[in-house]
Amino acid sequence: IPEAENNGIGSGKSNTEAILNACDEKNIAARLCDEYSIE
């Protein structure tokens, strides 16, 4: 997933989106973060 090779500050979000767009695997690191919420 070459779109997940952005290392600059503020670019982690685009990496996460690239990972989620590339596969639908459950319970992986990027998906846990994407599904996380807190009040």
ModelCIF file with pLDDT and N, C-alpha, C, O atoms, coordinates in Angstrom:
data_MODEL
#
_entry.id   MODEL 
#
_entity.id                         1 
_entity.type                       polymer 
_entity.pdbx_number_of_molecules   1 
#
_entity_poly.entity_id                      1 
_entity_poly.type                           'polypeptide(L)' 
_entity_poly.nstd_linkage                   no 
_entity_poly.nstd_monomer                   no 
_entity_poly.pdbx_seq_one_letter_code       IPEAENNGIGSGKSNTEAILNACDEKNIAARLCDEYSIE 
_entity_poly.pdbx_seq_one_letter_code_can   IPEAENNGIGSGKSNTEAILNACDEKNIAARLCDEYSIE 
_entity_poly.pdbx_strand_id                 A 
#
loop_
_entity_poly_seq.entity_id 
_entity_poly_seq.num 
_entity_poly_seq.mon_id 
_entity_poly_seq.hetero 
1 1  ILE n 
1 2  PRO n 
1 3  GLU n 
1 4  ALA n 
1 5  GLU n 
1 6  ASN n 
1 7  ASN n 
1 8  GLY n 
1 9  ILE n 
1 10 GLY n 
1 11 SER n 
1 12 GLY n 
1 13 LYS n 
1 14 SER n 
1 15 ASN n 
1 16 THR n 
1 17 GLU n 
1 18 ALA n 
1 19 ILE n 
1 20 LEU n 
1 21 ASN n 
1 22 ALA n 
1 23 CYS n 
1 24 ASP n 
1 25 GLU n 
1 26 LYS n 
1 27 ASN n 
1 28 ILE n 
1 29 ALA n 
1 30 ALA n 
1 31 ARG n 
1 32 LEU n 
1 33 CYS n 
1 34 ASP n 
1 35 GLU n 
1 36 TYR n 
1 37 SER n 
1 38 ILE n 
1 39 GLU n 
#
_struct_asym.id          A 
_struct_asym.entity_id   1 
#
loop_
_ma_qa_metric.id 
_ma_qa_metric.mode 
_ma_qa_metric.name 
_ma_qa_metric.software_group_id 
_ma_qa_metric.type 
1 global pLDDT . pLDDT 
2 local  pLDDT . pLDDT 
#
_ma_qa_metric_global.metric_id      1 
_ma_qa_metric_global.metric_value   96.74 
_ma_qa_metric_global.model_id       1 
_ma_qa_metric_global.ordinal_id     1 
#
loop_
_ma_qa_metric_local.label_asym_id 
_ma_qa_metric_local.label_comp_id 
_ma_qa_metric_local.label_seq_id 
_ma_qa_metric_local.metric_id 
_ma_qa_metric_local.metric_value 
_ma_qa_metric_local.model_id 
_ma_qa_metric_local.ordinal_id 
A ILE 1  2 98.00 1 1  
A PRO 2  2 97.00 1 2  
A GLU 3  2 98.00 1 3  
A ALA 4  2 98.00 1 4  
A GLU 5  2 97.00 1 5  
A ASN 6  2 94.00 1 6  
A ASN 7  2 94.00 1 7  
A GLY 8  2 92.00 1 8  
A ILE 9  2 94.00 1 9  
A GLY 10 2 91.00 1 10 
A SER 11 2 94.00 1 11 
A GLY 12 2 96.00 1 12 
A LYS 13 2 97.00 1 13 
A SER 14 2 97.00 1 14 
A ASN 15 2 98.00 1 15 
A THR 16 2 98.00 1 16 
A GLU 17 2 98.00 1 17 
A ALA 18 2 98.00 1 18 
A ILE 19 2 98.00 1 19 
A LEU 20 2 98.00 1 20 
A ASN 21 2 98.00 1 21 
A ALA 22 2 97.00 1 22 
A CYS 23 2 96.00 1 23 
A ASP 24 2 95.00 1 24 
A GLU 25 2 96.00 1 25 
A LYS 26 2 95.00 1 26 
A ASN 27 2 96.00 1 27 
A ILE 28 2 98.00 1 28 
A ALA 29 2 98.00 1 29 
A ALA 30 2 98.00 1 30 
A ARG 31 2 98.00 1 31 
A LEU 32 2 98.00 1 32 
A CYS 33 2 98.00 1 33 
A ASP 34 2 98.00 1 34 
A GLU 35 2 98.00 1 35 
A TYR 36 2 98.00 1 36 
A SER 37 2 98.00 1 37 
A ILE 38 2 98.00 1 38 
A GLU 39 2 97.00 1 39 
#
loop_
_atom_site.group_PDB 
_atom_site.id 
_atom_site.type_symbol 
_atom_site.label_atom_id 
_atom_site.label_alt_id 
_atom_site.label_comp_id 
_atom_site.label_asym_id 
_atom_site.label_entity_id 
_atom_site.label_seq_id 
_atom_site.pdbx_PDB_ins_code 
_atom_site.Cartn_x 
_atom_site.Cartn_y 
_atom_site.Cartn_z 
_atom_site.occupancy 
_atom_site.B_iso_or_equiv 
_atom_site.pdbx_formal_charge 
_atom_site.auth_seq_id 
_atom_site.auth_comp_id 
_atom_site.auth_asym_id 
_atom_site.auth_atom_id 
_atom_site.pdbx_PDB_model_num 
ATOM 1   N N  . ILE A 1 1  ? 0.866   -1.187 0.000  1.00 98.00 ? 1  ILE A N  1 
ATOM 2   C CA . ILE A 1 1  ? 0.000   0.000  0.000  1.00 98.00 ? 1  ILE A CA 1 
ATOM 3   C C  . ILE A 1 1  ? 0.900   1.233  0.000  1.00 98.00 ? 1  ILE A C  1 
ATOM 4   O O  . ILE A 1 1  ? 1.118   1.821  1.059  1.00 98.00 ? 1  ILE A O  1 
ATOM 5   N N  . PRO A 1 2  ? 1.425   1.642  -1.148 1.00 97.00 ? 2  PRO A N  1 
ATOM 6   C CA . PRO A 1 2  ? 2.356   2.774  -1.198 1.00 97.00 ? 2  PRO A CA 1 
ATOM 7   C C  . PRO A 1 2  ? 1.750   4.088  -0.702 1.00 97.00 ? 2  PRO A C  1 
ATOM 8   O O  . PRO A 1 2  ? 2.479   4.996  -0.303 1.00 97.00 ? 2  PRO A O  1 
ATOM 9   N N  . GLU A 1 3  ? 0.411   4.190  -0.726 1.00 98.00 ? 3  GLU A N  1 
ATOM 10  C CA . GLU A 1 3  ? -0.241  5.401  -0.216 1.00 98.00 ? 3  GLU A CA 1 
ATOM 11  C C  . GLU A 1 3  ? -0.122  5.516  1.304  1.00 98.00 ? 3  GLU A C  1 
ATOM 12  O O  . GLU A 1 3  ? -0.448  6.555  1.878  1.00 98.00 ? 3  GLU A O  1 
ATOM 13  N N  . ALA A 1 4  ? 0.344   4.450  1.951  1.00 98.00 ? 4  ALA A N  1 
ATOM 14  C CA . ALA A 1 4  ? 0.515   4.458  3.408  1.00 98.00 ? 4  ALA A CA 1 
ATOM 15  C C  . ALA A 1 4  ? 1.981   4.638  3.785  1.00 98.00 ? 4  ALA A C  1 
ATOM 16  O O  . ALA A 1 4  ? 2.443   4.096  4.790  1.00 98.00 ? 4  ALA A O  1 
ATOM 17  N N  . GLU A 1 5  ? 2.700   5.392  2.985  1.00 97.00 ? 5  GLU A N  1 
ATOM 18  C CA . GLU A 1 5  ? 4.123   5.646  3.264  1.00 97.00 ? 5  GLU A CA 1 
ATOM 19  C C  . GLU A 1 5  ? 4.388   7.117  3.566  1.00 97.00 ? 5  GLU A C  1 
ATOM 20  O O  . GLU A 1 5  ? 5.524   7.582  3.470  1.00 97.00 ? 5  GLU A O  1 
ATOM 21  N N  . ASN A 1 6  ? 3.324   7.856  3.936  1.00 94.00 ? 6  ASN A N  1 
ATOM 22  C CA . ASN A 1 6  ? 3.486   9.267  4.304  1.00 94.00 ? 6  ASN A CA 1 
ATOM 23  C C  . ASN A 1 6  ? 3.961   9.358  5.747  1.00 94.00 ? 6  ASN A C  1 
ATOM 24  O O  . ASN A 1 6  ? 3.301   8.847  6.652  1.00 94.00 ? 6  ASN A O  1 
ATOM 25  N N  . ASN A 1 7  ? 5.082   9.993  5.963  1.00 94.00 ? 7  ASN A N  1 
ATOM 26  C CA . ASN A 1 7  ? 5.668   10.044 7.306  1.00 94.00 ? 7  ASN A CA 1 
ATOM 27  C C  . ASN A 1 7  ? 5.611   11.412 7.968  1.00 94.00 ? 7  ASN A C  1 
ATOM 28  O O  . ASN A 1 7  ? 5.952   11.528 9.145  1.00 94.00 ? 7  ASN A O  1 
ATOM 29  N N  . GLY A 1 8  ? 5.195   12.445 7.259  1.00 92.00 ? 8  GLY A N  1 
ATOM 30  C CA . GLY A 1 8  ? 5.182   13.789 7.823  1.00 92.00 ? 8  GLY A CA 1 
ATOM 31  C C  . GLY A 1 8  ? 4.122   13.964 8.897  1.00 92.00 ? 8  GLY A C  1 
ATOM 32  O O  . GLY A 1 8  ? 3.099   13.279 8.895  1.00 92.00 ? 8  GLY A O  1 
ATOM 33  N N  . ILE A 1 9  ? 4.379   14.894 9.820  1.00 94.00 ? 9  ILE A N  1 
ATOM 34  C CA . ILE A 1 9  ? 3.412   15.211 10.863 1.00 94.00 ? 9  ILE A CA 1 
ATOM 35  C C  . ILE A 1 9  ? 2.089   15.624 10.224 1.00 94.00 ? 9  ILE A C  1 
ATOM 36  O O  . ILE A 1 9  ? 2.063   16.454 9.315  1.00 94.00 ? 9  ILE A O  1 
ATOM 37  N N  . GLY A 1 10 ? 0.995   15.041 10.703 1.00 91.00 ? 10 GLY A N  1 
ATOM 38  C CA . GLY A 1 10 ? -0.322  15.357 10.184 1.00 91.00 ? 10 GLY A CA 1 
ATOM 39  C C  . GLY A 1 10 ? -0.779  14.450 9.063  1.00 91.00 ? 10 GLY A C  1 
ATOM 40  O O  . GLY A 1 10 ? -1.915  14.567 8.602  1.00 91.00 ? 10 GLY A O  1 
ATOM 41  N N  . SER A 1 11 ? 0.090   13.538 8.608  1.00 94.00 ? 11 SER A N  1 
ATOM 42  C CA . SER A 1 11 ? -0.238  12.672 7.473  1.00 94.00 ? 11 SER A CA 1 
ATOM 43  C C  . SER A 1 11 ? -0.658  11.262 7.880  1.00 94.00 ? 11 SER A C  1 
ATOM 44  O O  . SER A 1 11 ? -0.945  10.427 7.022  1.00 94.00 ? 11 SER A O  1 
ATOM 45  N N  . GLY A 1 12 ? -0.695  10.998 9.177  1.00 96.00 ? 12 GLY A N  1 
ATOM 46  C CA . GLY A 1 12 ? -1.112  9.667  9.620  1.00 96.00 ? 12 GLY A CA 1 
ATOM 47  C C  . GLY A 1 12 ? -2.548  9.354  9.221  1.00 96.00 ? 12 GLY A C  1 
ATOM 48  O O  . GLY A 1 12 ? -2.894  8.197  8.980  1.00 96.00 ? 12 GLY A O  1 
ATOM 49  N N  . LYS A 1 13 ? -3.372  10.379 9.153  1.00 97.00 ? 13 LYS A N  1 
ATOM 50  C CA . LYS A 1 13 ? -4.768  10.171 8.775  1.00 97.00 ? 13 LYS A CA 1 
ATOM 51  C C  . LYS A 1 13 ? -4.883  9.647  7.348  1.00 97.00 ? 13 LYS A C  1 
ATOM 52  O O  . LYS A 1 13 ? -5.675  8.742  7.084  1.00 97.00 ? 13 LYS A O  1 
ATOM 53  N N  . SER A 1 14 ? -4.101  10.205 6.425  1.00 97.00 ? 14 SER A N  1 
ATOM 54  C CA . SER A 1 14 ? -4.158  9.733  5.040  1.00 97.00 ? 14 SER A CA 1 
ATOM 55  C C  . SER A 1 14 ? -3.604  8.315  4.927  1.00 97.00 ? 14 SER A C  1 
ATOM 56  O O  . SER A 1 14 ? -4.089  7.532  4.110  1.00 97.00 ? 14 SER A O  1 
ATOM 57  N N  . ASN A 1 15 ? -2.602  7.971  5.728  1.00 98.00 ? 15 ASN A N  1 
ATOM 58  C CA . ASN A 1 15 ? -2.109  6.589  5.770  1.00 98.00 ? 15 ASN A CA 1 
ATOM 59  C C  . ASN A 1 15 ? -3.223  5.640  6.201  1.00 98.00 ? 15 ASN A C  1 
ATOM 60  O O  . ASN A 1 15 ? -3.448  4.598  5.586  1.00 98.00 ? 15 ASN A O  1 
ATOM 61  N N  . THR A 1 16 ? -3.912  6.024  7.271  1.00 98.00 ? 16 THR A N  1 
ATOM 62  C CA . THR A 1 16 ? -4.989  5.189  7.810  1.00 98.00 ? 16 THR A CA 1 
ATOM 63  C C  . THR A 1 16 ? -6.077  4.977  6.767  1.00 98.00 ? 16 THR A C  1 
ATOM 64  O O  . THR A 1 16 ? -6.555  3.858  6.583  1.00 98.00 ? 16 THR A O  1 
ATOM 65  N N  . GLU A 1 17 ? -6.468  6.049  6.085  1.00 98.00 ? 17 GLU A N  1 
ATOM 66  C CA . GLU A 1 17 ? -7.495  5.942  5.057  1.00 98.00 ? 17 GLU A CA 1 
ATOM 67  C C  . GLU A 1 17 ? -7.040  5.027  3.915  1.00 98.00 ? 17 GLU A C  1 
ATOM 68  O O  . GLU A 1 17 ? -7.837  4.264  3.369  1.00 98.00 ? 17 GLU A O  1 
ATOM 69  N N  . ALA A 1 18 ? -5.758  5.110  3.563  1.00 98.00 ? 18 ALA A N  1 
ATOM 70  C CA . ALA A 1 18 ? -5.229  4.261  2.494  1.00 98.00 ? 18 ALA A CA 1 
ATOM 71  C C  . ALA A 1 18 ? -5.291  2.790  2.880  1.00 98.00 ? 18 ALA A C  1 
ATOM 72  O O  . ALA A 1 18 ? -5.642  1.945  2.056  1.00 98.00 ? 18 ALA A O  1 
ATOM 73  N N  . ILE A 1 19 ? -4.956  2.482  4.115  1.00 98.00 ? 19 ILE A N  1 
ATOM 74  C CA . ILE A 1 19 ? -4.996  1.092  4.595  1.00 98.00 ? 19 ILE A CA 1 
ATOM 75  C C  . ILE A 1 19 ? -6.423  0.564  4.565  1.00 98.00 ? 19 ILE A C  1 
ATOM 76  O O  . ILE A 1 19 ? -6.670  -0.550 4.102  1.00 98.00 ? 19 ILE A O  1 
ATOM 77  N N  . LEU A 1 20 ? -7.363  1.366  5.058  1.00 98.00 ? 20 LEU A N  1 
ATOM 78  C CA . LEU A 1 20 ? -8.761  0.936  5.117  1.00 98.00 ? 20 LEU A CA 1 
ATOM 79  C C  . LEU A 1 20 ? -9.365  0.792  3.724  1.00 98.00 ? 20 LEU A C  1 
ATOM 80  O O  . LEU A 1 20 ? -10.232 -0.054 3.506  1.00 98.00 ? 20 LEU A O  1 
ATOM 81  N N  . ASN A 1 21 ? -8.915  1.609  2.790  1.00 98.00 ? 21 ASN A N  1 
ATOM 82  C CA . ASN A 1 21 ? -9.405  1.503  1.414  1.00 98.00 ? 21 ASN A CA 1 
ATOM 83  C C  . ASN A 1 21 ? -8.829  0.292  0.688  1.00 98.00 ? 21 ASN A C  1 
ATOM 84  O O  . ASN A 1 21 ? -9.410  -0.204 -0.277 1.00 98.00 ? 21 ASN A O  1 
ATOM 85  N N  . ALA A 1 22 ? -7.674  -0.177 1.168  1.00 97.00 ? 22 ALA A N  1 
ATOM 86  C CA . ALA A 1 22 ? -6.995  -1.284 0.488  1.00 97.00 ? 22 ALA A CA 1 
ATOM 87  C C  . ALA A 1 22 ? -7.531  -2.648 0.890  1.00 97.00 ? 22 ALA A C  1 
ATOM 88  O O  . ALA A 1 22 ? -7.494  -3.585 0.092  1.00 97.00 ? 22 ALA A O  1 
ATOM 89  N N  . CYS A 1 23 ? -8.030  -2.775 2.117  1.00 96.00 ? 23 CYS A N  1 
ATOM 90  C CA . CYS A 1 23 ? -8.530  -4.080 2.565  1.00 96.00 ? 23 CYS A CA 1 
ATOM 91  C C  . CYS A 1 23 ? -9.632  -3.902 3.597  1.00 96.00 ? 23 CYS A C  1 
ATOM 92  O O  . CYS A 1 23 ? -9.734  -2.857 4.240  1.00 96.00 ? 23 CYS A O  1 
ATOM 93  N N  . ASP A 1 24 ? -10.461 -4.940 3.750  1.00 95.00 ? 24 ASP A N  1 
ATOM 94  C CA . ASP A 1 24 ? -11.570 -4.878 4.701  1.00 95.00 ? 24 ASP A CA 1 
ATOM 95  C C  . ASP A 1 24 ? -11.354 -5.804 5.900  1.00 95.00 ? 24 ASP A C  1 
ATOM 96  O O  . ASP A 1 24 ? -12.310 -6.195 6.571  1.00 95.00 ? 24 ASP A O  1 
ATOM 97  N N  . GLU A 1 25 ? -10.114 -6.143 6.159  1.00 96.00 ? 25 GLU A N  1 
ATOM 98  C CA . GLU A 1 25 ? -9.783  -7.037 7.274  1.00 96.00 ? 25 GLU A CA 1 
ATOM 99  C C  . GLU A 1 25 ? -10.198 -6.417 8.601  1.00 96.00 ? 25 GLU A C  1 
ATOM 100 O O  . GLU A 1 25 ? -9.962  -5.232 8.837  1.00 96.00 ? 25 GLU A O  1 
ATOM 101 N N  . LYS A 1 26 ? -10.814 -7.214 9.465  1.00 95.00 ? 26 LYS A N  1 
ATOM 102 C CA . LYS A 1 26 ? -11.275 -6.747 10.768 1.00 95.00 ? 26 LYS A CA 1 
ATOM 103 C C  . LYS A 1 26 ? -10.136 -6.788 11.795 1.00 95.00 ? 26 LYS A C  1 
ATOM 104 O O  . LYS A 1 26 ? -9.150  -7.504 11.626 1.00 95.00 ? 26 LYS A O  1 
ATOM 105 N N  . ASN A 1 27 ? -10.301 -6.012 12.844 1.00 96.00 ? 27 ASN A N  1 
ATOM 106 C CA . ASN A 1 27 ? -9.394  -6.029 14.003 1.00 96.00 ? 27 ASN A CA 1 
ATOM 107 C C  . ASN A 1 27 ? -7.921  -5.851 13.631 1.00 96.00 ? 27 ASN A C  1 
ATOM 108 O O  . ASN A 1 27 ? -7.046  -6.527 14.172 1.00 96.00 ? 27 ASN A O  1 
ATOM 109 N N  . ILE A 1 28 ? -7.666  -4.942 12.710 1.00 98.00 ? 28 ILE A N  1 
ATOM 110 C CA . ILE A 1 28 ? -6.283  -4.551 12.427 1.00 98.00 ? 28 ILE A CA 1 
ATOM 111 C C  . ILE A 1 28 ? -6.052  -3.161 13.006 1.00 98.00 ? 28 ILE A C  1 
ATOM 112 O O  . ILE A 1 28 ? -7.005  -2.472 13.370 1.00 98.00 ? 28 ILE A O  1 
ATOM 113 N N  . ALA A 1 29 ? -4.804  -2.751 13.092 1.00 98.00 ? 29 ALA A N  1 
ATOM 114 C CA . ALA A 1 29 ? -4.441  -1.524 13.793 1.00 98.00 ? 29 ALA A CA 1 
ATOM 115 C C  . ALA A 1 29 ? -5.196  -0.289 13.283 1.00 98.00 ? 29 ALA A C  1 
ATOM 116 O O  . ALA A 1 29 ? -5.774  0.456  14.074 1.00 98.00 ? 29 ALA A O  1 
ATOM 117 N N  . ALA A 1 30 ? -5.189  -0.079 11.979 1.00 98.00 ? 30 ALA A N  1 
ATOM 118 C CA . ALA A 1 30 ? -5.840  1.107  11.411 1.00 98.00 ? 30 ALA A CA 1 
ATOM 119 C C  . ALA A 1 30 ? -7.340  1.099  11.672 1.00 98.00 ? 30 ALA A C  1 
ATOM 120 O O  . ALA A 1 30 ? -7.924  2.143  11.964 1.00 98.00 ? 30 ALA A O  1 
ATOM 121 N N  . ARG A 1 31 ? -7.966  -0.065 11.569 1.00 98.00 ? 31 ARG A N  1 
ATOM 122 C CA . ARG A 1 31 ? -9.419  -0.130 11.742 1.00 98.00 ? 31 ARG A CA 1 
ATOM 123 C C  . ARG A 1 31 ? -9.821  0.121  13.191 1.00 98.00 ? 31 ARG A C  1 
ATOM 124 O O  . ARG A 1 31 ? -10.839 0.768  13.441 1.00 98.00 ? 31 ARG A O  1 
ATOM 125 N N  . LEU A 1 32 ? -9.055  -0.371 14.136 1.00 98.00 ? 32 LEU A N  1 
ATOM 126 C CA . LEU A 1 32 ? -9.359  -0.103 15.545 1.00 98.00 ? 32 LEU A CA 1 
ATOM 127 C C  . LEU A 1 32 ? -9.362  1.397  15.814 1.00 98.00 ? 32 LEU A C  1 
ATOM 128 O O  . LEU A 1 32 ? -10.234 1.906  16.519 1.00 98.00 ? 32 LEU A O  1 
ATOM 129 N N  . CYS A 1 33 ? -8.383  2.101  15.249 1.00 98.00 ? 33 CYS A N  1 
ATOM 130 C CA . CYS A 1 33 ? -8.319  3.556  15.451 1.00 98.00 ? 33 CYS A CA 1 
ATOM 131 C C  . CYS A 1 33 ? -9.499  4.251  14.778 1.00 98.00 ? 33 CYS A C  1 
ATOM 132 O O  . CYS A 1 33 ? -10.099 5.161  15.349 1.00 98.00 ? 33 CYS A O  1 
ATOM 133 N N  . ASP A 1 34 ? -9.826  3.818  13.568 1.00 98.00 ? 34 ASP A N  1 
ATOM 134 C CA . ASP A 1 34 ? -10.921 4.433  12.830 1.00 98.00 ? 34 ASP A CA 1 
ATOM 135 C C  . ASP A 1 34 ? -12.258 4.239  13.540 1.00 98.00 ? 34 ASP A C  1 
ATOM 136 O O  . ASP A 1 34 ? -13.125 5.109  13.463 1.00 98.00 ? 34 ASP A O  1 
ATOM 137 N N  . GLU A 1 35 ? -12.438 3.124  14.222 1.00 98.00 ? 35 GLU A N  1 
ATOM 138 C CA . GLU A 1 35 ? -13.700 2.811  14.897 1.00 98.00 ? 35 GLU A CA 1 
ATOM 139 C C  . GLU A 1 35 ? -13.742 3.308  16.335 1.00 98.00 ? 35 GLU A C  1 
ATOM 140 O O  . GLU A 1 35 ? -14.781 3.219  16.990 1.00 98.00 ? 35 GLU A O  1 
ATOM 141 N N  . TYR A 1 36 ? -12.635 3.826  16.827 1.00 98.00 ? 36 TYR A N  1 
ATOM 142 C CA . TYR A 1 36 ? -12.564 4.268  18.224 1.00 98.00 ? 36 TYR A CA 1 
ATOM 143 C C  . TYR A 1 36 ? -13.330 5.579  18.424 1.00 98.00 ? 36 TYR A C  1 
ATOM 144 O O  . TYR A 1 36 ? -13.310 6.462  17.566 1.00 98.00 ? 36 TYR A O  1 
ATOM 145 N N  . SER A 1 37 ? -14.001 5.687  19.568 1.00 98.00 ? 37 SER A N  1 
ATOM 146 C CA . SER A 1 37 ? -14.652 6.943  19.945 1.00 98.00 ? 37 SER A CA 1 
ATOM 147 C C  . SER A 1 37 ? -14.660 7.048  21.466 1.00 98.00 ? 37 SER A C  1 
ATOM 148 O O  . SER A 1 37 ? -14.604 6.039  22.170 1.00 98.00 ? 37 SER A O  1 
ATOM 149 N N  . ILE A 1 38 ? -14.730 8.267  21.957 1.00 98.00 ? 38 ILE A N  1 
ATOM 150 C CA . ILE A 1 38 ? -14.751 8.503  23.388 1.00 98.00 ? 38 ILE A CA 1 
ATOM 151 C C  . ILE A 1 38 ? -15.596 9.725  23.684 1.00 98.00 ? 38 ILE A C  1 
ATOM 152 O O  . ILE A 1 38 ? -15.555 10.712 22.949 1.00 98.00 ? 38 ILE A O  1 
ATOM 153 N N  . GLU A 1 39 ? -16.374 9.659  24.776 1.00 97.00 ? 39 GLU A N  1 
ATOM 154 C CA . GLU A 1 39 ? -17.134 10.822 25.227 1.00 97.00 ? 39 GLU A CA 1 
ATOM 155 C C  . GLU A 1 39 ? -16.316 11.543 26.293 1.00 97.00 ? 39 GLU A C  1 
ATOM 156 O O  . GLU A 1 39 ? -16.757 12.562 26.824 1.00 97.00 ? 39 GLU A O  1 
#
